[in-house]
Amino acid sequence: MNITEPMFLALTALVDEPRHGYGIVQEVDRLSQGRVQLKIGTLYGALDRLAAEGLVELDREEVQQGRLRRYYRLTDAGAGALREEAEHLVANAAAATARLSARAAGGAAATRPGRGGAGRPLLRGLLGGTA
């Protein structure tokens, strides 16, 4: 199964305790430091897919203030899939970090030609930064 970043964070939100939909949304917001904003409709579609894969399951249902809250929990299979994905992310980050360190040690920097003297780092130029 391909685990997207929002699904990865939703699974991560369920590691420590079962949560209802809005609780998952809040925890994903906290985990991502506001970078990932899940919508409830999107979340429930993702939870349905995760449940179909056996990665999460319904923990319980409660009625609070006249509304039904469904609490989901991470299954053992979900914990295994999350662990595997986290290990892949760590390996990918380590490969990128090693290559960036080697690049910095070699002093090679992609520059834009025709900028006089030292040039301007290409990536910064593409991202609209200043030299």
C-alpha atoms as a PDB file:
ATOM      1  CA  MET A   1       0.000   0.000   0.000  1.00  0.00           C
ATOM      2  CA  ASN A   2       1.229   3.476  -0.859  1.00  0.00           C
ATOM      3  CA  ILE A   3       1.027   5.579   2.295  1.00  0.00           C
ATOM      4  CA  THR A   4       0.661   9.285   1.591  1.00  0.00           C
ATOM      5  CA  GLU A   5       1.919  11.888   4.044  1.00  0.00           C
ATOM      6  CA  PRO A   6      -1.599  12.619   5.388  1.00  0.00           C
ATOM      7  CA  MET A   7      -2.225   8.868   5.868  1.00  0.00           C
ATOM      8  CA  PHE A   8       1.195   8.476   7.500  1.00  0.00           C
ATOM      9  CA  LEU A   9       0.356  11.273   9.934  1.00  0.00           C
ATOM     10  CA  ALA A  10      -3.138   9.888  10.595  1.00  0.00           C
ATOM     11  CA  LEU A  11      -1.623   6.502  11.471  1.00  0.00           C
ATOM     12  CA  THR A  12       0.949   8.275  13.644  1.00  0.00           C
ATOM     13  CA  ALA A  13      -1.858  10.128  15.428  1.00  0.00           C
ATOM     14  CA  LEU A  14      -3.357   6.772  16.420  1.00  0.00           C
ATOM     15  CA  VAL A  15      -0.177   5.235  17.847  1.00  0.00           C
ATOM     16  CA  ASP A  16      -0.720   6.318  21.438  1.00  0.00           C
ATOM     17  CA  GLU A  17      -4.513   6.109  21.768  1.00  0.00           C
ATOM     18  CA  PRO A  18      -7.772   5.704  19.847  1.00  0.00           C
ATOM     19  CA  ARG A  19      -9.127   8.982  18.510  1.00  0.00           C
ATOM     20  CA  HIS A  20     -12.272  10.224  16.816  1.00  0.00           C
ATOM     21  CA  GLY A  21     -12.118  12.026  13.470  1.00  0.00           C
ATOM     22  CA  TYR A  22     -11.755  15.564  14.770  1.00  0.00           C
ATOM     23  CA  GLY A  23      -9.180  14.346  17.309  1.00  0.00           C
ATOM     24  CA  ILE A  24      -7.147  12.845  14.445  1.00  0.00           C
ATOM     25  CA  VAL A  25      -7.394  16.121  12.502  1.00  0.00           C
ATOM     26  CA  GLN A  26      -6.119  18.062  15.522  1.00  0.00           C
ATOM     27  CA  GLU A  27      -3.280  15.622  16.197  1.00  0.00           C
ATOM     28  CA  VAL A  28      -2.171  15.640  12.534  1.00  0.00           C
ATOM     29  CA  ASP A  29      -2.137  19.433  12.665  1.00  0.00           C
ATOM     30  CA  ARG A  30       0.020  19.287  15.802  1.00  0.00           C
ATOM     31  CA  LEU A  31       2.349  16.577  14.441  1.00  0.00           C
ATOM     32  CA  SER A  32       2.913  18.450  11.180  1.00  0.00           C
ATOM     33  CA  GLN A  33       3.202  21.817  12.931  1.00  0.00           C
ATOM     34  CA  GLY A  34       0.280  23.079  10.854  1.00  0.00           C
ATOM     35  CA  ARG A  35       1.729  21.965   7.510  1.00  0.00           C
ATOM     36  CA  VAL A  36      -0.918  19.280   6.875  1.00  0.00           C
ATOM     37  CA  GLN A  37      -4.541  20.318   7.297  1.00  0.00           C
ATOM     38  CA  LEU A  38      -6.863  17.327   6.965  1.00  0.00           C
ATOM     39  CA  LYS A  39     -10.485  17.892   6.030  1.00  0.00           C
ATOM     40  CA  ILE A  40     -12.992  15.661   7.804  1.00  0.00           C
ATOM     41  CA  GLY A  41     -14.434  14.301   4.536  1.00  0.00           C
ATOM     42  CA  THR A  42     -10.967  13.437   3.245  1.00  0.00           C
ATOM     43  CA  LEU A  43     -10.034  11.874   6.569  1.00  0.00           C
ATOM     44  CA  TYR A  44     -13.031   9.531   6.651  1.00  0.00           C
ATOM     45  CA  GLY A  45     -12.287   8.385   3.093  1.00  0.00           C
ATOM     46  CA  ALA A  46      -8.704   7.679   4.145  1.00  0.00           C
ATOM     47  CA  LEU A  47      -9.864   5.894   7.313  1.00  0.00           C
ATOM     48  CA  ASP A  48     -12.161   3.697   5.206  1.00  0.00           C
ATOM     49  CA  ARG A  49      -9.199   2.755   2.979  1.00  0.00           C
ATOM     50  CA  LEU A  50      -6.953   2.149   5.983  1.00  0.00           C
ATOM     51  CA  ALA A  51      -9.661  -0.007   7.593  1.00  0.00           C
ATOM     52  CA  ALA A  52     -10.103  -1.992   4.363  1.00  0.00           C
ATOM     53  CA  GLU A  53      -6.334  -2.660   4.423  1.00  0.00           C
ATOM     54  CA  GLY A  54      -6.572  -3.743   8.086  1.00  0.00           C
ATOM     55  CA  LEU A  55      -4.349  -0.905   9.303  1.00  0.00           C
ATOM     56  CA  VAL A  56      -6.977   0.716  11.540  1.00  0.00           C
ATOM     57  CA  GLU A  57     -10.212  -0.489  13.049  1.00  0.00           C
ATOM     58  CA  LEU A  58     -13.201   0.960  14.815  1.00  0.00           C
ATOM     59  CA  ASP A  59     -12.527   1.102  18.544  1.00  0.00           C
ATOM     60  CA  ARG A  60     -15.923   2.353  19.729  1.00  0.00           C
ATOM     61  CA  GLU A  61     -18.763   4.734  19.020  1.00  0.00           C
ATOM     62  CA  GLU A  62     -20.035   7.336  21.468  1.00  0.00           C
ATOM     63  CA  VAL A  63     -22.792   9.891  21.322  1.00  0.00           C
ATOM     64  CA  GLN A  64     -21.642  13.274  22.581  1.00  0.00           C
ATOM     65  CA  GLN A  65     -23.881  16.331  22.408  1.00  0.00           C
ATOM     66  CA  GLY A  66     -26.238  14.457  20.100  1.00  0.00           C
ATOM     67  CA  ARG A  67     -23.491  13.548  17.616  1.00  0.00           C
ATOM     68  CA  LEU A  68     -22.030  10.143  16.954  1.00  0.00           C
ATOM     69  CA  ARG A  69     -18.270   9.975  17.388  1.00  0.00           C
ATOM     70  CA  ARG A  70     -16.396   7.036  15.936  1.00  0.00           C
ATOM     71  CA  TYR A  71     -13.089   6.278  17.581  1.00  0.00           C
ATOM     72  CA  TYR A  72     -10.431   4.469  15.557  1.00  0.00           C
ATOM     73  CA  ARG A  73      -7.392   2.569  16.748  1.00  0.00           C
ATOM     74  CA  LEU A  74      -4.214   1.418  15.082  1.00  0.00           C
ATOM     75  CA  THR A  75      -4.001  -2.335  14.475  1.00  0.00           C
ATOM     76  CA  ASP A  76      -0.821  -4.384  14.807  1.00  0.00           C
ATOM     77  CA  ALA A  77      -0.683  -4.507  10.990  1.00  0.00           C
ATOM     78  CA  GLY A  78      -1.043  -0.714  10.948  1.00  0.00           C
ATOM     79  CA  ALA A  79       1.799  -0.317  13.427  1.00  0.00           C
ATOM     80  CA  GLY A  80       3.956  -2.577  11.244  1.00  0.00           C
ATOM     81  CA  ALA A  81       3.115  -0.636   8.077  1.00  0.00           C
ATOM     82  CA  LEU A  82       3.805   2.664   9.862  1.00  0.00           C
ATOM     83  CA  ARG A  83       7.130   1.370  11.181  1.00  0.00           C
ATOM     84  CA  GLU A  84       8.139   0.164   7.703  1.00  0.00           C
ATOM     85  CA  GLU A  85       7.203   3.498   6.108  1.00  0.00           C
ATOM     86  CA  ALA A  86       9.072   5.417   8.833  1.00  0.00           C
ATOM     87  CA  GLU A  87      12.174   3.294   8.173  1.00  0.00           C
ATOM     88  CA  HIS A  88      11.924   4.056   4.438  1.00  0.00           C
ATOM     89  CA  LEU A  89      11.633   7.776   5.165  1.00  0.00           C
ATOM     90  CA  VAL A  90      14.674   7.642   7.471  1.00  0.00           C
ATOM     91  CA  ALA A  91      16.711   5.774   4.829  1.00  0.00           C
ATOM     92  CA  ASN A  92      15.696   8.260   2.124  1.00  0.00           C
ATOM     93  CA  ALA A  93      16.511  11.218   4.367  1.00  0.00           C
ATOM     94  CA  ALA A  94      19.897   9.684   5.227  1.00  0.00           C
ATOM     95  CA  ALA A  95      20.717   9.208   1.528  1.00  0.00           C
ATOM     96  CA  ALA A  96      19.767  12.810   0.749  1.00  0.00           C
ATOM     97  CA  THR A  97      21.719  14.134   3.751  1.00  0.00           C
ATOM     98  CA  ALA A  98      24.826  12.117   2.797  1.00  0.00           C
ATOM     99  CA  ARG A  99      24.727  13.417  -0.769  1.00  0.00           C
ATOM    100  CA  LEU A 100      24.213  16.995   0.404  1.00  0.00           C
ATOM    101  CA  SER A 101      27.133  16.650   2.827  1.00  0.00           C
ATOM    102  CA  ALA A 102      29.354  15.275   0.056  1.00  0.00           C
ATOM    103  CA  ARG A 103      28.310  18.132  -2.191  1.00  0.00           C
ATOM    104  CA  ALA A 104      29.099  20.709   0.494  1.00  0.00           C
ATOM    105  CA  ALA A 105      32.474  19.093   1.214  1.00  0.00           C
ATOM    106  CA  GLY A 106      33.362  19.169  -2.472  1.00  0.00           C
ATOM    107  CA  GLY A 107      32.380  22.802  -2.749  1.00  0.00           C
ATOM    108  CA  ALA A 108      30.470  22.151  -5.964  1.00  0.00           C
ATOM    109  CA  ALA A 109      27.446  24.391  -6.290  1.00  0.00           C
ATOM    110  CA  ALA A 110      25.160  24.634  -9.254  1.00  0.00           C
ATOM    111  CA  THR A 111      25.252  28.220 -10.398  1.00  0.00           C
ATOM    112  CA  ARG A 112      23.475  30.200 -13.036  1.00  0.00           C
ATOM    113  CA  PRO A 113      25.790  31.254 -15.817  1.00  0.00           C
ATOM    114  CA  GLY A 114      26.198  34.867 -16.833  1.00  0.00           C
ATOM    115  CA  ARG A 115      25.712  36.398 -13.388  1.00  0.00           C
ATOM    116  CA  GLY A 116      29.249  37.705 -13.161  1.00  0.00           C
ATOM    117  CA  GLY A 117      31.894  36.388 -10.796  1.00  0.00           C
ATOM    118  CA  ALA A 118      30.563  33.812  -8.363  1.00  0.00           C
ATOM    119  CA  GLY A 119      27.124  33.382  -9.860  1.00  0.00           C
ATOM    120  CA  ARG A 120      23.936  32.636  -7.997  1.00  0.00           C
ATOM    121  CA  PRO A 121      22.947  29.243  -6.581  1.00  0.00           C
ATOM    122  CA  LEU A 122      20.557  27.673  -9.080  1.00  0.00           C
ATOM    123  CA  LEU A 123      18.085  26.303  -6.534  1.00  0.00           C
ATOM    124  CA  ARG A 124      17.781  29.609  -4.741  1.00  0.00           C
ATOM    125  CA  GLY A 125      17.237  31.276  -8.110  1.00  0.00           C
ATOM    126  CA  LEU A 126      14.512  28.805  -9.029  1.00  0.00           C
ATOM    127  CA  LEU A 127      12.802  29.350  -5.710  1.00  0.00           C
ATOM    128  CA  GLY A 128      12.894  33.101  -6.058  1.00  0.00           C
ATOM    129  CA  GLY A 129      15.422  33.723  -3.282  1.00  0.00           C
ATOM    130  CA  THR A 130      18.080  36.364  -3.351  1.00  0.00           C
ATOM    131  CA  ALA A 131      21.737  35.803  -4.081  1.00  0.00           C
END
